[in-house]
PDB file of all heavy atoms in Angstrom:
ATOM      1  N   GLU A   1       0.848  -1.202   0.021  1.00  0.00           N
ATOM      2  CA  GLU A   1       0.003   0.004   0.048  1.00  0.00           C
ATOM      3  C   GLU A   1       0.928   1.235  -0.032  1.00  0.00           C
ATOM      4  O   GLU A   1       1.817   1.301   0.790  1.00  0.00           O
ATOM      5  CB  GLU A   1      -0.910  -0.019   1.308  1.00  0.00           C
ATOM      6  CG  GLU A   1      -1.850   1.102   1.285  1.00  0.00           C
ATOM      7  CD  GLU A   1      -3.141   0.860   0.516  1.00  0.00           C
ATOM      8  OE1 GLU A   1      -3.430  -0.324   0.271  1.00  0.00           O
ATOM      9  OE2 GLU A   1      -3.807   1.858   0.254  1.00  0.00           O
ATOM     10  N   VAL A   2       0.568   2.211  -0.917  1.00  0.00           N
ATOM     11  CA  VAL A   2       1.367   3.423  -0.957  1.00  0.00           C
ATOM     12  C   VAL A   2       0.533   4.574  -0.547  1.00  0.00           C
ATOM     13  O   VAL A   2      -0.630   4.670  -0.557  1.00  0.00           O
ATOM     14  CB  VAL A   2       1.928   3.686  -2.378  1.00  0.00           C
ATOM     15  CG1 VAL A   2       2.868   2.593  -2.789  1.00  0.00           C
ATOM     16  CG2 VAL A   2       0.864   3.812  -3.329  1.00  0.00           C
ATOM     17  N   ILE A   3       1.285   5.643  -0.018  1.00  0.00           N
ATOM     18  CA  ILE A   3       0.682   6.951   0.276  1.00  0.00           C
ATOM     19  C   ILE A   3       1.188   7.929  -0.714  1.00  0.00           C
ATOM     20  O   ILE A   3       2.469   8.003  -0.873  1.00  0.00           O
ATOM     21  CB  ILE A   3       1.026   7.363   1.695  1.00  0.00           C
ATOM     22  CG1 ILE A   3       0.460   6.355   2.675  1.00  0.00           C
ATOM     23  CG2 ILE A   3       0.496   8.728   1.977  1.00  0.00           C
ATOM     24  CD1 ILE A   3       1.013   6.520   4.123  1.00  0.00           C
ATOM     25  N   LEU A   4       0.364   8.630  -1.425  1.00  0.00           N
ATOM     26  CA  LEU A   4       0.795   9.705  -2.313  1.00  0.00           C
ATOM     27  C   LEU A   4       0.878  11.043  -1.527  1.00  0.00           C
ATOM     28  O   LEU A   4      -0.053  11.339  -0.839  1.00  0.00           O
ATOM     29  CB  LEU A   4      -0.216   9.836  -3.487  1.00  0.00           C
ATOM     30  CG  LEU A   4      -0.260   8.635  -4.394  1.00  0.00           C
ATOM     31  CD1 LEU A   4      -1.150   8.983  -5.625  1.00  0.00           C
ATOM     32  CD2 LEU A   4       1.075   8.080  -4.884  1.00  0.00           C
ATOM     33  N   LEU A   5       2.010  11.653  -1.703  1.00  0.00           N
ATOM     34  CA  LEU A   5       2.294  12.904  -0.986  1.00  0.00           C
ATOM     35  C   LEU A   5       2.625  13.990  -2.003  1.00  0.00           C
ATOM     36  O   LEU A   5       3.593  13.723  -2.774  1.00  0.00           O
ATOM     37  CB  LEU A   5       3.275  12.763   0.055  1.00  0.00           C
ATOM     38  CG  LEU A   5       3.649  13.838   1.050  1.00  0.00           C
ATOM     39  CD1 LEU A   5       2.434  14.086   1.958  1.00  0.00           C
ATOM     40  CD2 LEU A   5       4.827  13.388   1.963  1.00  0.00           C
ATOM     41  N   GLU A   6       1.958  15.113  -1.986  1.00  0.00           N
ATOM     42  CA  GLU A   6       2.334  16.145  -2.937  1.00  0.00           C
ATOM     43  C   GLU A   6       3.726  16.681  -2.638  1.00  0.00           C
ATOM     44  O   GLU A   6       4.051  16.903  -1.510  1.00  0.00           O
ATOM     45  CB  GLU A   6       1.339  17.253  -2.874  1.00  0.00           C
ATOM     46  CG  GLU A   6      -0.054  16.782  -3.462  1.00  0.00           C
ATOM     47  CD  GLU A   6      -1.117  17.861  -3.477  1.00  0.00           C
ATOM     48  OE1 GLU A   6      -0.846  18.944  -2.883  1.00  0.00           O
ATOM     49  OE2 GLU A   6      -2.125  17.628  -4.194  1.00  0.00           O
ATOM     50  N   GLU A   7       4.474  17.015  -3.662  1.00  0.00           N
ATOM     51  CA  GLU A   7       5.887  17.424  -3.506  1.00  0.00           C
ATOM     52  C   GLU A   7       6.064  18.604  -2.627  1.00  0.00           C
ATOM     53  O   GLU A   7       7.001  18.617  -1.770  1.00  0.00           O
ATOM     54  CB  GLU A   7       6.494  17.709  -4.904  1.00  0.00           C
ATOM     55  CG  GLU A   7       6.745  16.341  -5.619  1.00  0.00           C
ATOM     56  CD  GLU A   7       7.084  16.555  -7.030  1.00  0.00           C
ATOM     57  OE1 GLU A   7       6.996  17.641  -7.608  1.00  0.00           O
ATOM     58  OE2 GLU A   7       7.557  15.556  -7.686  1.00  0.00           O
ATOM     59  N   PRO A   8       5.269  19.751  -2.628  1.00  0.00           N
ATOM     60  CA  PRO A   8       5.540  20.844  -1.715  1.00  0.00           C
ATOM     61  C   PRO A   8       5.365  20.347  -0.306  1.00  0.00           C
ATOM     62  O   PRO A   8       6.091  20.809   0.605  1.00  0.00           O
ATOM     63  CB  PRO A   8       4.446  21.795  -2.047  1.00  0.00           C
ATOM     64  CG  PRO A   8       4.100  21.507  -3.494  1.00  0.00           C
ATOM     65  CD  PRO A   8       4.154  19.977  -3.600  1.00  0.00           C
ATOM     66  N   GLN A   9       4.412  19.499   0.053  1.00  0.00           N
ATOM     67  CA  GLN A   9       4.285  18.978   1.336  1.00  0.00           C
ATOM     68  C   GLN A   9       5.425  18.094   1.753  1.00  0.00           C
ATOM     69  O   GLN A   9       5.940  18.210   2.886  1.00  0.00           O
ATOM     70  CB  GLN A   9       2.940  18.171   1.525  1.00  0.00           C
ATOM     71  CG  GLN A   9       2.558  17.815   2.901  1.00  0.00           C
ATOM     72  CD  GLN A   9       1.183  17.138   2.945  1.00  0.00           C
ATOM     73  OE1 GLN A   9       0.600  16.957   1.992  1.00  0.00           O
ATOM     74  NE2 GLN A   9       0.746  16.890   4.184  1.00  0.00           N
ATOM     75  N   ALA A  10       5.908  17.259   0.865  1.00  0.00           N
ATOM     76  CA  ALA A  10       7.041  16.368   1.120  1.00  0.00           C
ATOM     77  C   ALA A  10       8.286  17.267   1.385  1.00  0.00           C
ATOM     78  O   ALA A  10       9.054  17.011   2.273  1.00  0.00           O
ATOM     79  CB  ALA A  10       7.297  15.509  -0.064  1.00  0.00           C
ATOM     80  N   ALA A  11       8.523  18.354   0.561  1.00  0.00           N
ATOM     81  CA  ALA A  11       9.592  19.216   0.930  1.00  0.00           C
ATOM     82  C   ALA A  11       9.602  19.940   2.253  1.00  0.00           C
ATOM     83  O   ALA A  11      10.575  19.952   2.969  1.00  0.00           O
ATOM     84  CB  ALA A  11       9.591  20.336  -0.196  1.00  0.00           C
ATOM     85  N   PHE A  12       8.323  20.329   2.699  1.00  0.00           N
ATOM     86  CA  PHE A  12       8.115  20.830   3.986  1.00  0.00           C
ATOM     87  C   PHE A  12       8.380  19.855   5.076  1.00  0.00           C
ATOM     88  O   PHE A  12       9.172  20.112   6.030  1.00  0.00           O
ATOM     89  CB  PHE A  12       6.780  21.401   4.147  1.00  0.00           C
ATOM     90  CG  PHE A  12       6.536  22.090   5.534  1.00  0.00           C
ATOM     91  CD1 PHE A  12       7.241  23.170   5.865  1.00  0.00           C
ATOM     92  CD2 PHE A  12       5.668  21.638   6.397  1.00  0.00           C
ATOM     93  CE1 PHE A  12       7.036  23.828   7.078  1.00  0.00           C
ATOM     94  CE2 PHE A  12       5.407  22.194   7.589  1.00  0.00           C
ATOM     95  CZ  PHE A  12       6.146  23.334   7.997  1.00  0.00           C
ATOM     96  N   TYR A  13       8.008  18.652   4.921  1.00  0.00           N
ATOM     97  CA  TYR A  13       8.297  17.597   5.955  1.00  0.00           C
ATOM     98  C   TYR A  13       9.788  17.284   6.021  1.00  0.00           C
ATOM     99  O   TYR A  13      10.354  17.104   7.074  1.00  0.00           O
ATOM    100  CB  TYR A  13       7.505  16.303   5.568  1.00  0.00           C
ATOM    101  CG  TYR A  13       6.054  16.249   5.824  1.00  0.00           C
ATOM    102  CD1 TYR A  13       5.160  15.385   5.261  1.00  0.00           C
ATOM    103  CD2 TYR A  13       5.483  17.219   6.641  1.00  0.00           C
ATOM    104  CE1 TYR A  13       3.833  15.405   5.515  1.00  0.00           C
ATOM    105  CE2 TYR A  13       4.120  17.268   6.937  1.00  0.00           C
ATOM    106  CZ  TYR A  13       3.349  16.257   6.314  1.00  0.00           C
ATOM    107  OH  TYR A  13       1.966  16.288   6.599  1.00  0.00           O
ATOM    108  N   GLY A  14      10.424  17.320   4.796  1.00  0.00           N
ATOM    109  CA  GLY A  14      11.902  17.166   4.805  1.00  0.00           C
ATOM    110  C   GLY A  14      12.586  18.273   5.522  1.00  0.00           C
ATOM    111  O   GLY A  14      13.502  18.010   6.353  1.00  0.00           O
ATOM    112  N   TRP A  15      12.144  19.500   5.396  1.00  0.00           N
ATOM    113  CA  TRP A  15      12.728  20.711   6.033  1.00  0.00           C
ATOM    114  C   TRP A  15      12.515  20.497   7.658  1.00  0.00           C
ATOM    115  O   TRP A  15      13.423  20.649   8.357  1.00  0.00           O
ATOM    116  CB  TRP A  15      12.047  21.995   5.636  1.00  0.00           C
ATOM    117  CG  TRP A  15      12.571  23.180   6.262  1.00  0.00           C
ATOM    118  CD1 TRP A  15      13.736  23.952   5.961  1.00  0.00           C
ATOM    119  CD2 TRP A  15      12.037  23.864   7.393  1.00  0.00           C
ATOM    120  NE1 TRP A  15      13.862  24.878   6.810  1.00  0.00           N
ATOM    121  CE2 TRP A  15      12.850  24.977   7.712  1.00  0.00           C
ATOM    122  CE3 TRP A  15      10.929  23.686   8.190  1.00  0.00           C
ATOM    123  CZ2 TRP A  15      12.651  25.781   8.732  1.00  0.00           C
ATOM    124  CZ3 TRP A  15      10.703  24.492   9.320  1.00  0.00           C
ATOM    125  CH2 TRP A  15      11.492  25.555   9.611  1.00  0.00           C
ATOM    126  N   LEU A  16      11.286  20.144   8.056  1.00  0.00           N
ATOM    127  CA  LEU A  16      11.001  19.842   9.410  1.00  0.00           C
ATOM    128  C   LEU A  16      11.917  18.863   9.990  1.00  0.00           C
ATOM    129  O   LEU A  16      12.416  18.930  11.036  1.00  0.00           O
ATOM    130  CB  LEU A  16       9.493  19.469   9.658  1.00  0.00           C
ATOM    131  CG  LEU A  16       8.492  20.534   9.555  1.00  0.00           C
ATOM    132  CD1 LEU A  16       7.058  19.913   9.715  1.00  0.00           C
ATOM    133  CD2 LEU A  16       8.639  21.668  10.660  1.00  0.00           C
ATOM    134  N   HIS A  17      12.188  17.801   9.250  1.00  0.00           N
ATOM    135  CA  HIS A  17      13.055  16.624   9.732  1.00  0.00           C
ATOM    136  C   HIS A  17      14.451  17.207   9.950  1.00  0.00           C
ATOM    137  O   HIS A  17      15.128  16.867  10.884  1.00  0.00           O
ATOM    138  CB  HIS A  17      12.932  15.506   8.717  1.00  0.00           C
ATOM    139  CG  HIS A  17      13.820  14.381   9.135  1.00  0.00           C
ATOM    140  ND1 HIS A  17      13.576  13.571  10.142  1.00  0.00           N
ATOM    141  CD2 HIS A  17      15.037  13.929   8.676  1.00  0.00           C
ATOM    142  CE1 HIS A  17      14.407  12.647  10.305  1.00  0.00           C
ATOM    143  NE2 HIS A  17      15.380  12.896   9.374  1.00  0.00           N
ATOM    144  N   ARG A  18      14.983  17.907   8.882  1.00  0.00           N
ATOM    145  CA  ARG A  18      16.320  18.514   9.067  1.00  0.00           C
ATOM    146  C   ARG A  18      16.468  19.491  10.180  1.00  0.00           C
ATOM    147  O   ARG A  18      17.499  19.596  10.879  1.00  0.00           O
ATOM    148  CB  ARG A  18      16.725  19.112   7.774  1.00  0.00           C
ATOM    149  CG  ARG A  18      17.098  18.158   6.649  1.00  0.00           C
ATOM    150  CD  ARG A  18      17.666  18.860   5.477  1.00  0.00           C
ATOM    151  NE  ARG A  18      16.963  19.977   4.926  1.00  0.00           N
ATOM    152  CZ  ARG A  18      15.858  19.795   4.138  1.00  0.00           C
ATOM    153  NH1 ARG A  18      15.434  18.661   3.787  1.00  0.00           N
ATOM    154  NH2 ARG A  18      15.199  20.961   3.654  1.00  0.00           N
ATOM    155  N   ARG A  19      15.346  20.133  10.564  1.00  0.00           N
ATOM    156  CA  ARG A  19      15.344  21.202  11.596  1.00  0.00           C
ATOM    157  C   ARG A  19      14.630  20.590  12.890  1.00  0.00           C
ATOM    158  O   ARG A  19      14.122  21.339  13.632  1.00  0.00           O
ATOM    159  CB  ARG A  19      14.579  22.365  11.145  1.00  0.00           C
ATOM    160  CG  ARG A  19      15.207  23.148  10.025  1.00  0.00           C
ATOM    161  CD  ARG A  19      16.302  24.037  10.632  1.00  0.00           C
ATOM    162  NE  ARG A  19      16.814  24.885   9.542  1.00  0.00           N
ATOM    163  CZ  ARG A  19      17.924  25.545   9.765  1.00  0.00           C
ATOM    164  NH1 ARG A  19      18.486  25.425  10.919  1.00  0.00           N
ATOM    165  NH2 ARG A  19      18.342  26.278   8.813  1.00  0.00           N
ATOM    166  N   SER A  20      14.693  19.336  13.165  1.00  0.00           N
ATOM    167  CA  SER A  20      13.888  18.707  14.146  1.00  0.00           C
ATOM    168  C   SER A  20      14.223  19.375  15.562  1.00  0.00           C
ATOM    169  O   SER A  20      13.295  19.336  16.381  1.00  0.00           O
ATOM    170  CB  SER A  20      14.170  17.272  14.278  1.00  0.00           C
ATOM    171  OG  SER A  20      15.530  16.984  14.510  1.00  0.00           O
ATOM    172  N   GLU A  21      15.385  19.781  15.723  1.00  0.00           N
ATOM    173  CA  GLU A  21      15.686  20.444  17.069  1.00  0.00           C
ATOM    174  C   GLU A  21      15.373  21.881  17.213  1.00  0.00           C
ATOM    175  O   GLU A  21      15.056  22.359  18.212  1.00  0.00           O
ATOM    176  CB  GLU A  21      17.228  20.289  17.276  1.00  0.00           C
ATOM    177  CG  GLU A  21      17.721  18.867  17.414  1.00  0.00           C
ATOM    178  CD  GLU A  21      17.058  18.023  18.433  1.00  0.00           C
ATOM    179  OE1 GLU A  21      16.930  18.595  19.587  1.00  0.00           O
ATOM    180  OE2 GLU A  21      16.716  16.905  18.277  1.00  0.00           O
ATOM    181  N   ASP A  22      15.309  22.548  16.025  1.00  0.00           N
ATOM    182  CA  ASP A  22      15.085  24.082  16.190  1.00  0.00           C
ATOM    183  C   ASP A  22      14.120  24.703  15.284  1.00  0.00           C
ATOM    184  O   ASP A  22      14.027  25.901  15.172  1.00  0.00           O
ATOM    185  CB  ASP A  22      16.423  24.762  15.947  1.00  0.00           C
ATOM    186  CG  ASP A  22      16.983  24.608  14.534  1.00  0.00           C
ATOM    187  OD1 ASP A  22      16.329  23.845  13.798  1.00  0.00           O
ATOM    188  OD2 ASP A  22      17.975  25.266  14.169  1.00  0.00           O
ATOM    189  N   TRP A  23      13.281  23.978  14.660  1.00  0.00           N
ATOM    190  CA  TRP A  23      12.278  24.496  13.719  1.00  0.00           C
ATOM    191  C   TRP A  23      11.353  25.524  14.392  1.00  0.00           C
ATOM    192  O   TRP A  23      10.835  26.522  13.740  1.00  0.00           O
ATOM    193  CB  TRP A  23      11.438  23.448  12.974  1.00  0.00           C
ATOM    194  CG  TRP A  23      10.469  22.635  13.873  1.00  0.00           C
ATOM    195  CD1 TRP A  23      10.719  21.453  14.490  1.00  0.00           C
ATOM    196  CD2 TRP A  23       9.135  22.995  14.150  1.00  0.00           C
ATOM    197  NE1 TRP A  23       9.611  21.083  15.158  1.00  0.00           N
ATOM    198  CE2 TRP A  23       8.586  21.961  14.885  1.00  0.00           C
ATOM    199  CE3 TRP A  23       8.316  24.069  13.757  1.00  0.00           C
ATOM    200  CZ2 TRP A  23       7.222  22.005  15.301  1.00  0.00           C
ATOM    201  CZ3 TRP A  23       6.984  24.042  14.170  1.00  0.00           C
ATOM    202  CH2 TRP A  23       6.500  22.996  14.992  1.00  0.00           C
ATOM    203  N   ARG A  24      11.130  25.372  15.644  1.00  0.00           N
ATOM    204  CA  ARG A  24      10.265  26.379  16.363  1.00  0.00           C
ATOM    205  C   ARG A  24      10.844  27.775  16.485  1.00  0.00           C
ATOM    206  O   ARG A  24      10.138  28.648  16.730  1.00  0.00           O
ATOM    207  CB  ARG A  24       9.783  25.777  17.721  1.00  0.00           C
ATOM    208  CG  ARG A  24       8.754  24.672  17.653  1.00  0.00           C
ATOM    209  CD  ARG A  24       8.321  24.185  19.013  1.00  0.00           C
ATOM    210  NE  ARG A  24       7.281  23.237  18.905  1.00  0.00           N
ATOM    211  CZ  ARG A  24       7.363  21.925  18.736  1.00  0.00           C
ATOM    212  NH1 ARG A  24       8.606  21.434  18.622  1.00  0.00           N
ATOM    213  NH2 ARG A  24       6.365  21.168  18.668  1.00  0.00           N
ATOM    214  N   GLN A  25      12.138  27.831  16.344  1.00  0.00           N
ATOM    215  CA  GLN A  25      12.795  29.170  16.287  1.00  0.00           C
ATOM    216  C   GLN A  25      12.435  29.927  14.931  1.00  0.00           C
ATOM    217  O   GLN A  25      12.566  31.082  14.919  1.00  0.00           O
ATOM    218  CB  GLN A  25      14.297  28.947  16.354  1.00  0.00           C
ATOM    219  CG  GLN A  25      14.740  28.432  17.692  1.00  0.00           C
ATOM    220  CD  GLN A  25      16.259  28.213  17.728  1.00  0.00           C
ATOM    221  OE1 GLN A  25      16.971  28.724  16.852  1.00  0.00           O
ATOM    222  NE2 GLN A  25      16.678  27.416  18.696  1.00  0.00           N
ATOM    223  N   TYR A  26      12.022  29.149  13.924  1.00  0.00           N
ATOM    224  CA  TYR A  26      11.801  29.772  12.665  1.00  0.00           C
ATOM    225  C   TYR A  26      10.338  29.958  12.380  1.00  0.00           C
ATOM    226  O   TYR A  26       9.909  30.843  11.639  1.00  0.00           O
ATOM    227  CB  TYR A  26      12.355  28.923  11.537  1.00  0.00           C
ATOM    228  CG  TYR A  26      13.859  28.779  11.623  1.00  0.00           C
ATOM    229  CD1 TYR A  26      14.435  27.754  12.274  1.00  0.00           C
ATOM    230  CD2 TYR A  26      14.629  29.714  10.997  1.00  0.00           C
ATOM    231  CE1 TYR A  26      15.817  27.660  12.324  1.00  0.00           C
ATOM    232  CE2 TYR A  26      16.016  29.636  11.042  1.00  0.00           C
ATOM    233  CZ  TYR A  26      16.606  28.593  11.769  1.00  0.00           C
ATOM    234  OH  TYR A  26      17.968  28.455  11.811  1.00  0.00           O
ATOM    235  N   LEU A  27       9.414  29.092  12.959  1.00  0.00           N
ATOM    236  CA  LEU A  27       7.998  29.120  12.774  1.00  0.00           C
ATOM    237  C   LEU A  27       7.380  29.400  14.154  1.00  0.00           C
ATOM    238  O   LEU A  27       7.580  28.758  15.121  1.00  0.00           O
ATOM    239  CB  LEU A  27       7.506  27.870  12.109  1.00  0.00           C
ATOM    240  CG  LEU A  27       8.042  27.509  10.785  1.00  0.00           C
ATOM    241  CD1 LEU A  27       7.568  26.157  10.353  1.00  0.00           C
ATOM    242  CD2 LEU A  27       7.618  28.557   9.801  1.00  0.00           C
ATOM    243  N   LYS A  28       6.353  30.199  14.109  1.00  0.00           N
ATOM    244  CA  LYS A  28       5.465  30.484  15.257  1.00  0.00           C
ATOM    245  C   LYS A  28       4.065  30.136  14.976  1.00  0.00           C
ATOM    246  O   LYS A  28       3.626  30.066  13.763  1.00  0.00           O
ATOM    247  CB  LYS A  28       5.629  31.926  15.695  1.00  0.00           C
ATOM    248  CG  LYS A  28       7.021  32.422  15.792  1.00  0.00           C
ATOM    249  CD  LYS A  28       7.576  32.070  17.142  1.00  0.00           C
ATOM    250  CE  LYS A  28       8.935  32.697  17.397  1.00  0.00           C
ATOM    251  NZ  LYS A  28      10.128  31.927  16.933  1.00  0.00           N
ATOM    252  N   VAL A  29       3.198  30.025  15.946  1.00  0.00           N
ATOM    253  CA  VAL A  29       1.751  29.761  15.779  1.00  0.00           C
ATOM    254  C   VAL A  29       1.211  30.873  14.905  1.00  0.00           C
ATOM    255  O   VAL A  29       1.459  32.016  15.184  1.00  0.00           O
ATOM    256  CB  VAL A  29       1.018  29.670  17.121  1.00  0.00           C
ATOM    257  CG1 VAL A  29      -0.467  29.632  16.862  1.00  0.00           C
ATOM    258  CG2 VAL A  29       1.549  28.433  17.891  1.00  0.00           C
TER     259      VAL A  29
END
């Protein structure tokens, strides 16, 4: 079974993963 993920969303998830320790410094509610 596969999950299709749109590329912009995949890129954002990749960014979040690379910034797992400090992404909250860049993004706020």
